[in-house]
């Protein structure tokens, strides 16, 4: 497994798609920062300590990051098949199960790192604006929240990654499907019940963005674990289909 992870990391270093995902994170951070300069008959929103780190969470999770995470994961899994190099790899021989597991694990880590990058950008913005208003507890709370979002968003979009690989479609389809999937979270988040059971909005609830009960968090956790289980089943079926 370590060899597979090392090999995939080397491929990512040469991947322009990686730069696109980083640009997407910086882009949404910039857009929310500009939006924070507006006001509704009062001081700009950015003058409130913690506003920037709070408000960027739903915008990033419901509009941007699920799509780019799904795009990267689908690209890594589908690349060998699209470039017609998978058959050559299997002659080595290479365990396709371990290869796919390494790609999904790397996508999982990448999802967390993207959210930690987002945290670093927003924390820097908050520190520049009002460093004296930030407490250690507040910073640690947001760090935990962003870390949990990285985990939960990966679980939420993992079925999309697996389905695109199973259908043997272009990895750009994952971007479109995940964008529609995450955008729907804007509407499900308006209902306490729907946002508990809809995977993307459930991620925000577990991360602490929404006020929610302990039972609701358990239910959301089970939904996201089910998403992960579904993606495993789909990817296992993908392997059997190739074997046939």
Protein backbone atom coordinates (compact mmCIF):
# COMPACT_ATOMS: atom_id res chain seq x y z
CA UNK A 1 0.00 0.00 0.00
CA UNK A 2 2.86 2.41 0.80
CA UNK A 3 4.27 1.92 -2.69
CA UNK A 4 0.91 2.68 -4.30
CA UNK A 5 0.48 5.81 -2.18
CA UNK A 6 3.99 6.98 -3.04
CA UNK A 7 3.40 6.40 -6.75
CA UNK A 8 0.10 8.30 -6.72
CA UNK A 9 1.68 11.19 -4.83
CA UNK A 10 4.38 11.43 -7.48
CA UNK A 11 1.71 11.57 -10.18
CA UNK A 12 -0.17 14.32 -8.32
CA UNK A 13 2.94 16.46 -8.18
CA UNK A 14 2.84 16.64 -11.99
CA UNK A 15 -0.90 17.15 -12.17
CA UNK A 16 -2.24 20.55 -13.28
CA UNK A 17 -5.61 19.53 -11.86
CA UNK A 18 -4.07 19.87 -8.40
CA UNK A 19 -3.39 23.54 -9.09
CA UNK A 20 -7.00 23.96 -10.19
CA UNK A 21 -8.28 22.66 -6.85
CA UNK A 22 -5.97 24.97 -4.89
CA UNK A 23 -7.12 27.87 -7.07
CA UNK A 24 -10.75 26.94 -6.29
CA UNK A 25 -10.06 27.11 -2.55
CA UNK A 26 -8.35 30.48 -2.85
CA UNK A 27 -11.11 31.71 -5.14
CA UNK A 28 -13.98 30.95 -2.75
CA UNK A 29 -11.97 32.45 0.12
CA UNK A 30 -11.49 35.65 -1.87
CA UNK A 31 -15.16 35.85 -2.88
CA UNK A 32 -16.42 35.47 0.70
CA UNK A 33 -13.86 38.03 1.89
CA UNK A 34 -15.12 40.56 -0.66
CA UNK A 35 -18.71 39.76 0.31
CA UNK A 36 -17.84 40.41 3.94
CA UNK A 37 -17.04 44.02 3.13
CA UNK A 38 -20.74 44.65 2.42
CA UNK A 39 -23.19 45.64 5.10
CA UNK A 40 -26.90 45.81 5.95
CA UNK A 41 -27.29 49.21 7.61
CA UNK A 42 -24.32 48.66 9.91
CA UNK A 43 -20.59 47.91 10.02
CA UNK A 44 -19.19 45.44 7.47
CA UNK A 45 -19.61 41.77 8.38
CA UNK A 46 -15.85 41.29 8.44
CA UNK A 47 -15.58 43.51 11.50
CA UNK A 48 -17.16 40.73 13.55
CA UNK A 49 -14.54 38.31 14.86
CA UNK A 50 -15.14 34.80 13.56
CA UNK A 51 -17.54 35.84 10.79
CA UNK A 52 -15.09 35.01 8.00
CA UNK A 53 -14.23 31.55 9.32
CA UNK A 54 -17.90 30.82 9.94
CA UNK A 55 -19.48 31.99 6.71
CA UNK A 56 -16.96 30.46 4.36
CA UNK A 57 -17.95 26.97 5.56
CA UNK A 58 -21.39 26.72 3.88
CA UNK A 59 -20.24 28.53 0.74
CA UNK A 60 -17.25 26.25 0.26
CA UNK A 61 -19.10 23.05 1.18
CA UNK A 62 -22.30 23.70 -0.74
CA UNK A 63 -20.80 25.26 -3.86
CA UNK A 64 -17.15 24.41 -4.49
CA UNK A 65 -15.17 21.80 -2.57
CA UNK A 66 -17.32 18.66 -3.02
CA UNK A 67 -17.09 19.12 -6.80
CA UNK A 68 -13.31 19.54 -6.90
CA UNK A 69 -12.76 16.63 -4.49
CA UNK A 70 -14.98 14.39 -6.61
CA UNK A 71 -13.19 15.56 -9.75
CA UNK A 72 -9.76 14.73 -8.37
CA UNK A 73 -10.84 11.35 -6.99
CA UNK A 74 -12.53 10.34 -10.22
CA UNK A 75 -9.57 11.46 -12.26
CA UNK A 76 -7.14 9.34 -10.25
CA UNK A 77 -9.34 6.25 -10.55
CA UNK A 78 -10.35 6.69 -14.20
CA UNK A 79 -7.00 7.91 -15.54
CA UNK A 80 -5.42 4.51 -16.22
CA UNK A 81 -8.57 3.26 -17.96
CA UNK A 82 -8.88 6.40 -20.13
CA UNK A 83 -5.17 6.41 -21.00
CA UNK A 84 -5.35 2.66 -21.69
CA UNK A 85 -2.52 1.97 -19.26
CA UNK A 86 -4.53 -0.15 -16.81
CA UNK A 87 -3.93 -3.37 -18.77
CA UNK A 88 -0.20 -2.76 -18.73
CA UNK A 89 -0.27 -2.12 -14.97
CA UNK A 90 -2.16 -5.35 -14.34
CA UNK A 91 0.54 -7.30 -16.19
CA UNK A 92 3.15 -6.31 -13.58
CA UNK A 93 1.09 -7.66 -11.70
CA UNK A 94 -0.55 -4.90 -9.66
CA UNK A 95 -3.38 -5.49 -7.24
CA UNK A 96 -6.24 -3.46 -8.66
CA UNK A 97 -7.99 -3.56 -5.29
CA UNK A 98 -5.00 -2.03 -3.52
CA UNK A 99 -4.46 0.46 -6.32
CA UNK A 100 -8.06 1.71 -6.08
CA UNK A 101 -7.87 1.76 -2.27
CA UNK A 102 -4.71 3.87 -2.45
CA UNK A 103 -6.40 6.34 -4.79
CA UNK A 104 -9.43 6.66 -2.49
CA UNK A 105 -7.22 7.03 0.57
CA UNK A 106 -5.23 9.74 -1.15
CA UNK A 107 -8.46 11.52 -2.10
CA UNK A 108 -9.54 11.29 1.55
CA UNK A 109 -6.28 12.87 2.73
CA UNK A 110 -6.50 15.48 -0.01
CA UNK A 111 -10.03 16.40 1.11
CA UNK A 112 -8.80 17.04 4.64
CA UNK A 113 -5.81 19.04 3.39
CA UNK A 114 -8.05 21.23 1.24
CA UNK A 115 -10.18 22.12 4.24
CA UNK A 116 -7.09 22.76 6.35
CA UNK A 117 -5.81 25.06 3.60
CA UNK A 118 -9.14 26.86 3.70
CA UNK A 119 -8.82 27.14 7.49
CA UNK A 120 -5.30 28.58 7.16
CA UNK A 121 -6.47 31.22 4.67
CA UNK A 122 -9.46 32.27 6.76
CA UNK A 123 -7.46 32.25 9.99
CA UNK A 124 -4.87 34.51 8.36
CA UNK A 125 -7.66 36.87 7.30
CA UNK A 126 -9.15 36.91 10.79
CA UNK A 127 -5.73 37.46 12.36
CA UNK A 128 -5.02 40.44 10.11
CA UNK A 129 -8.40 42.00 10.82
CA UNK A 130 -8.66 41.49 14.59
CA UNK A 131 -5.96 39.33 16.13
CA UNK A 132 -6.77 40.51 19.67
CA UNK A 133 -10.38 39.31 19.41
CA UNK A 134 -9.40 35.72 18.61
CA UNK A 135 -9.17 33.28 21.49
CA UNK A 136 -7.40 29.93 21.56
CA UNK A 137 -10.71 28.14 22.11
CA UNK A 138 -12.26 29.84 19.07
CA UNK A 139 -9.33 28.93 16.81
CA UNK A 140 -9.29 25.30 18.01
CA UNK A 141 -13.07 25.09 17.55
CA UNK A 142 -12.78 26.17 13.92
CA UNK A 143 -9.78 23.91 13.30
CA UNK A 144 -11.79 20.93 14.55
CA UNK A 145 -14.79 22.02 12.47
CA UNK A 146 -12.79 22.29 9.23
CA UNK A 147 -11.04 18.97 9.89
CA UNK A 148 -14.39 17.22 10.38
CA UNK A 149 -15.75 18.81 7.21
CA UNK A 150 -12.82 17.42 5.24
CA UNK A 151 -13.65 13.91 6.45
CA UNK A 152 -17.41 14.21 6.04
CA UNK A 153 -17.37 15.81 2.58
CA UNK A 154 -15.15 13.02 1.28
CA UNK A 155 -17.64 10.43 2.59
CA UNK A 156 -20.52 12.41 1.07
CA UNK A 157 -19.03 12.53 -2.44
CA UNK A 158 -17.41 9.07 -2.41
CA UNK A 159 -20.47 7.45 -4.11
CA UNK A 160 -20.17 10.02 -6.93
CA UNK A 161 -16.50 9.12 -7.43
CA UNK A 162 -17.32 5.40 -7.43
CA UNK A 163 -20.28 5.76 -9.80
CA UNK A 164 -18.33 7.71 -12.41
CA UNK A 165 -15.59 5.06 -12.29
CA UNK A 166 -18.18 2.27 -12.58
CA UNK A 167 -19.94 3.92 -15.51
CA UNK A 168 -16.54 4.40 -17.17
CA UNK A 169 -17.44 8.00 -17.98
CA UNK A 170 -15.23 11.06 -18.18
CA UNK A 171 -14.02 12.26 -14.81
CA UNK A 172 -15.44 15.69 -15.63
CA UNK A 173 -18.86 14.13 -15.13
CA UNK A 174 -17.96 13.80 -11.45
CA UNK A 175 -17.51 17.58 -11.31
CA UNK A 176 -21.00 18.17 -12.76
CA UNK A 177 -22.75 15.54 -10.64
CA UNK A 178 -21.04 16.61 -7.42
CA UNK A 179 -21.84 20.27 -8.09
CA UNK A 180 -25.55 19.49 -8.54
CA UNK A 181 -25.41 17.17 -5.54
CA UNK A 182 -23.80 19.77 -3.25
CA UNK A 183 -25.89 22.68 -4.57
CA UNK A 184 -29.04 20.79 -3.56
CA UNK A 185 -27.74 21.09 -0.01
CA UNK A 186 -28.70 24.77 -0.11
CA UNK A 187 -32.34 23.69 -0.14
CA UNK A 188 -32.11 20.70 2.19
CA UNK A 189 -30.37 22.88 4.78
CA UNK A 190 -33.59 24.86 5.17
CA UNK A 191 -35.23 21.86 6.85
CA UNK A 192 -33.94 20.44 10.13
CA UNK A 193 -34.93 16.94 9.05
CA UNK A 194 -33.54 17.07 5.52
CA UNK A 195 -30.23 18.61 6.52
CA UNK A 196 -29.74 15.78 9.00
CA UNK A 197 -30.13 13.07 6.37
CA UNK A 198 -28.85 14.75 3.20
CA UNK A 199 -25.13 13.87 3.10
CA UNK A 200 -23.66 17.24 2.10
CA UNK A 201 -25.65 19.30 4.61
CA UNK A 202 -25.15 16.54 7.20
CA UNK A 203 -21.41 17.24 6.94
CA UNK A 204 -22.01 20.81 8.08
CA UNK A 205 -24.10 19.59 11.00
CA UNK A 206 -21.43 17.18 12.21
CA UNK A 207 -18.76 19.87 11.81
CA UNK A 208 -20.76 22.16 14.10
CA UNK A 209 -21.88 24.82 11.64
CA UNK A 210 -25.56 24.08 12.33
CA UNK A 211 -27.09 23.97 15.78
CA UNK A 212 -28.11 20.33 16.12
CA UNK A 213 -28.83 17.65 18.69
CA UNK A 214 -26.66 14.69 19.63
CA UNK A 215 -29.19 12.31 18.07
CA UNK A 216 -29.14 14.27 14.81
CA UNK A 217 -25.35 14.08 14.70
CA UNK A 218 -25.46 10.33 15.19
CA UNK A 219 -28.03 10.02 12.40
CA UNK A 220 -25.92 12.22 10.11
CA UNK A 221 -22.84 10.14 10.91
CA UNK A 222 -24.68 6.95 9.97
CA UNK A 223 -25.77 8.52 6.68
CA UNK A 224 -22.20 9.47 5.81
CA UNK A 225 -20.86 6.06 6.81
CA UNK A 226 -23.52 4.54 4.56
CA UNK A 227 -22.23 6.71 1.71
CA UNK A 228 -18.75 5.35 2.30
CA UNK A 229 -20.09 1.79 2.38
CA UNK A 230 -22.00 2.31 -0.88
CA UNK A 231 -18.87 3.58 -2.60
CA UNK A 232 -16.93 0.49 -1.44
CA UNK A 233 -19.62 -1.80 -2.85
CA UNK A 234 -19.64 0.05 -6.18
CA UNK A 235 -15.85 -0.06 -6.48
CA UNK A 236 -15.80 -3.78 -5.67
CA UNK A 237 -18.37 -4.30 -8.42
CA UNK A 238 -16.14 -2.27 -10.72
CA UNK A 239 -13.31 -4.73 -10.14
CA UNK A 240 -15.54 -7.76 -10.77
CA UNK A 241 -16.80 -6.15 -13.98
CA UNK A 242 -13.24 -5.78 -15.25
CA UNK A 243 -12.41 -9.32 -14.30
CA UNK A 244 -15.26 -10.55 -16.43
